[in-house]
Amino acid sequence: MRLIRGFDHHLFLDRSSVEVFAQRGRYPFTALIYPDVGSDGLYLRALGGNITVSDMRVYRLSSAYER
């Protein structure tokens, strides 16, 4: 198993997309998502190994649309 320390990822989620900027934007990733109605959680997993999240901050973003 290869141990990697110090990943820096920024995740932006909305109702239909997820954007990930890994290693300070060096590796960007965007995907459309189709969550179930009423979904309100976040699930993280590592393929082929384990992960430890040492720091996570969550911020609520304002709507881009005027109401």
Protein backbone atom coordinates (compact mmCIF):
# COMPACT_ATOMS: atom_id res chain seq x y z
CA MET A 1 0.00 0.00 0.00
CA ARG A 2 1.28 3.46 -0.93
CA LEU A 3 0.84 6.13 1.74
CA ILE A 4 0.23 9.66 0.48
CA ARG A 5 -0.02 12.56 2.92
CA GLY A 6 -1.24 16.09 2.54
CA PHE A 7 -3.89 16.04 -0.16
CA ASP A 8 -5.58 19.39 -0.65
CA HIS A 9 -8.98 19.07 -2.34
CA HIS A 10 -11.76 21.60 -2.77
CA LEU A 11 -15.23 20.24 -3.55
CA PHE A 12 -18.13 22.31 -4.84
CA LEU A 13 -21.54 20.63 -4.87
CA ASP A 14 -24.93 21.80 -6.01
CA ARG A 15 -28.17 20.04 -6.94
CA SER A 16 -26.84 18.47 -10.12
CA SER A 17 -23.05 18.70 -10.27
CA VAL A 18 -19.86 18.15 -8.36
CA GLU A 19 -16.58 19.92 -9.05
CA VAL A 20 -13.31 18.82 -7.47
CA PHE A 21 -10.10 20.79 -7.56
CA ALA A 22 -7.32 18.53 -6.30
CA GLN A 23 -3.89 19.71 -5.23
CA ARG A 24 -4.80 23.41 -5.39
CA GLY A 25 -6.48 23.15 -8.79
CA ARG A 26 -3.78 21.16 -10.54
CA TYR A 27 -6.23 18.30 -11.16
CA PRO A 28 -9.77 19.56 -11.85
CA PHE A 29 -12.72 17.19 -12.22
CA THR A 30 -16.38 17.92 -13.01
CA ALA A 31 -19.33 15.52 -13.15
CA LEU A 32 -23.09 15.64 -13.34
CA ILE A 33 -24.81 13.91 -10.45
CA TYR A 34 -28.37 12.65 -10.00
CA PRO A 35 -29.03 12.35 -6.26
CA ASP A 36 -32.24 10.90 -4.87
CA VAL A 37 -34.93 13.37 -3.86
CA GLY A 38 -34.24 14.52 -0.32
CA SER A 39 -30.53 13.59 -0.42
CA ASP A 40 -28.61 15.81 1.97
CA GLY A 41 -25.41 13.95 2.85
CA LEU A 42 -21.87 13.48 1.66
CA TYR A 43 -20.17 10.09 1.37
CA LEU A 44 -16.40 9.74 0.89
CA ARG A 45 -14.62 6.52 0.03
CA ALA A 46 -11.23 5.32 -1.14
CA LEU A 47 -10.90 2.70 -3.83
CA GLY A 48 -8.35 0.04 -2.96
CA GLY A 49 -7.43 1.42 0.43
CA ASN A 50 -8.36 3.59 3.37
CA ILE A 51 -8.58 7.33 3.84
CA THR A 52 -8.44 9.55 6.90
CA VAL A 53 -9.95 13.03 6.68
CA SER A 54 -8.04 15.23 9.10
CA ASP A 55 -9.83 18.51 8.35
CA MET A 56 -13.10 19.32 6.63
CA ARG A 57 -14.89 22.64 6.40
CA VAL A 58 -18.38 23.05 4.98
CA TYR A 59 -19.73 26.39 3.79
CA ARG A 60 -23.23 27.12 2.59
CA LEU A 61 -23.15 29.07 -0.66
CA SER A 62 -25.76 31.64 -1.61
CA SER A 63 -27.95 31.06 -4.64
CA ALA A 64 -26.73 32.43 -7.96
CA TYR A 65 -30.36 33.18 -8.85
CA GLU A 66 -32.40 36.03 -7.48
CA ARG A 67 -35.58 34.96 -5.75
